[in-house]
Every structure is written in C-alpha cells, then in structure tokens.
Amino acid sequence: MELKSRIGYWIEIRGYKKMWVAKQIGVSHVVLSRWINDVSIPSVVNLFKLAVLLDCKVDELYERSD
C-alpha cells in the first residue's frame, strides 16, 4: 500500500497560496512542496497542523493507492 498526497488539492480548494500555508505551518515552501509531490511525508504534528489550517480531517490529506 502506498499513500498519495492530497495536500495540494486541499490548499487549492481553500484558495490559499502555498507560501502562506508553509509559513503558517512553520516550514519552508520547499518542504511543503516535497509533501505535495510525495517526496516526503509530514510528521504527525504537521499533519494535524495542516488539517486544522485546511479545515479537513487528517486522513483526508492522503489517499491510499494500491
């Protein structure tokens, strides 16, 4: 099982700029980009920060891809 990021989807749906989201979470735009492009995965703490900021559930930030 693999996970596919939906972080970019939620950022777009909410109408936020990626730079703004990165600043709110306390990471660089490069780190956020790595999360969006499935290069790396955020920590549990950062997943919860994203979920609160994007007004979604933590499990909505990723989807399973088999």
C-alpha atoms as a PDB file:
ATOM      1  CA  MET A   1       0.000   0.000   0.000  1.00  0.00           C
ATOM      2  CA  GLU A   2       1.198   3.469  -0.857  1.00  0.00           C
ATOM      3  CA  LEU A   3      -0.091   6.873   0.151  1.00  0.00           C
ATOM      4  CA  LYS A   4      -0.761   9.694  -2.300  1.00  0.00           C
ATOM      5  CA  SER A   5      -0.746  13.257  -1.053  1.00  0.00           C
ATOM      6  CA  ARG A   6      -3.920  15.322  -1.337  1.00  0.00           C
ATOM      7  CA  ILE A   7      -2.368  18.313   0.450  1.00  0.00           C
ATOM      8  CA  GLY A   8      -2.115  20.310  -2.775  1.00  0.00           C
ATOM      9  CA  TYR A   9      -5.775  19.572  -3.518  1.00  0.00           C
ATOM     10  CA  TRP A  10      -6.874  20.942  -0.145  1.00  0.00           C
ATOM     11  CA  ILE A  11      -4.689  24.028  -0.476  1.00  0.00           C
ATOM     12  CA  GLU A  12      -6.236  24.724  -3.881  1.00  0.00           C
ATOM     13  CA  ILE A  13      -9.810  24.075  -2.690  1.00  0.00           C
ATOM     14  CA  ARG A  14      -9.356  26.531   0.178  1.00  0.00           C
ATOM     15  CA  GLY A  15      -7.861  29.144  -2.155  1.00  0.00           C
ATOM     16  CA  TYR A  16      -4.619  29.516  -0.196  1.00  0.00           C
ATOM     17  CA  LYS A  17      -1.153  30.272  -1.521  1.00  0.00           C
ATOM     18  CA  LYS A  18       1.406  27.536  -0.851  1.00  0.00           C
ATOM     19  CA  MET A  19       3.904  30.049   0.574  1.00  0.00           C
ATOM     20  CA  TRP A  20       1.271  31.242   3.055  1.00  0.00           C
ATOM     21  CA  VAL A  21       0.418  27.686   4.134  1.00  0.00           C
ATOM     22  CA  ALA A  22       4.096  26.846   4.620  1.00  0.00           C
ATOM     23  CA  LYS A  23       4.570  29.937   6.805  1.00  0.00           C
ATOM     24  CA  GLN A  24       1.506  29.099   8.927  1.00  0.00           C
ATOM     25  CA  ILE A  25       2.760  25.546   9.499  1.00  0.00           C
ATOM     26  CA  GLY A  26       6.302  26.735  10.217  1.00  0.00           C
ATOM     27  CA  VAL A  27       8.087  25.016   7.332  1.00  0.00           C
ATOM     28  CA  SER A  28       9.776  26.231   4.164  1.00  0.00           C
ATOM     29  CA  HIS A  29       7.943  26.245   0.849  1.00  0.00           C
ATOM     30  CA  VAL A  30      10.427  23.584  -0.312  1.00  0.00           C
ATOM     31  CA  VAL A  31       9.359  21.232   2.496  1.00  0.00           C
ATOM     32  CA  LEU A  32       5.680  21.822   1.704  1.00  0.00           C
ATOM     33  CA  SER A  33       6.371  21.149  -1.975  1.00  0.00           C
ATOM     34  CA  ARG A  34       8.053  17.856  -1.040  1.00  0.00           C
ATOM     35  CA  TRP A  35       4.932  16.834   0.880  1.00  0.00           C
ATOM     36  CA  ILE A  36       2.643  17.801  -2.013  1.00  0.00           C
ATOM     37  CA  ASN A  37       4.765  15.894  -4.550  1.00  0.00           C
ATOM     38  CA  ASP A  38       5.124  12.745  -2.429  1.00  0.00           C
ATOM     39  CA  VAL A  39       8.872  13.164  -1.970  1.00  0.00           C
ATOM     40  CA  SER A  40       8.482  13.119   1.814  1.00  0.00           C
ATOM     41  CA  ILE A  41       5.719  12.798   4.397  1.00  0.00           C
ATOM     42  CA  PRO A  42       4.977  15.342   7.140  1.00  0.00           C
ATOM     43  CA  SER A  43       5.247  14.437  10.803  1.00  0.00           C
ATOM     44  CA  VAL A  44       2.074  13.614  12.697  1.00  0.00           C
ATOM     45  CA  VAL A  45       2.225  17.034  14.367  1.00  0.00           C
ATOM     46  CA  ASN A  46       2.448  18.771  10.981  1.00  0.00           C
ATOM     47  CA  LEU A  47      -0.378  16.636   9.586  1.00  0.00           C
ATOM     48  CA  PHE A  48      -2.617  17.885  12.388  1.00  0.00           C
ATOM     49  CA  LYS A  49      -1.488  21.487  11.812  1.00  0.00           C
ATOM     50  CA  LEU A  50      -2.350  21.136   8.126  1.00  0.00           C
ATOM     51  CA  ALA A  51      -5.731  19.574   8.889  1.00  0.00           C
ATOM     52  CA  VAL A  52      -6.668  22.407  11.238  1.00  0.00           C
ATOM     53  CA  LEU A  53      -5.441  25.075   8.812  1.00  0.00           C
ATOM     54  CA  LEU A  54      -7.150  23.487   5.802  1.00  0.00           C
ATOM     55  CA  ASP A  55     -10.304  22.604   7.768  1.00  0.00           C
ATOM     56  CA  CYS A  56     -10.244  18.924   6.873  1.00  0.00           C
ATOM     57  CA  LYS A  57      -9.591  15.624   8.617  1.00  0.00           C
ATOM     58  CA  VAL A  58      -6.047  14.288   8.883  1.00  0.00           C
ATOM     59  CA  ASP A  59      -6.995  11.191   6.882  1.00  0.00           C
ATOM     60  CA  GLU A  60      -8.264  13.390   4.050  1.00  0.00           C
ATOM     61  CA  LEU A  61      -4.728  14.705   3.441  1.00  0.00           C
ATOM     62  CA  TYR A  62      -3.648  11.360   1.939  1.00  0.00           C
ATOM     63  CA  GLU A  63      -5.329   8.641  -0.061  1.00  0.00           C
ATOM     64  CA  ARG A  64      -4.372   5.018  -0.461  1.00  0.00           C
ATOM     65  CA  SER A  65      -3.106   3.931  -3.843  1.00  0.00           C
ATOM     66  CA  ASP A  66      -2.524   0.253  -4.448  1.00  0.00           C
END
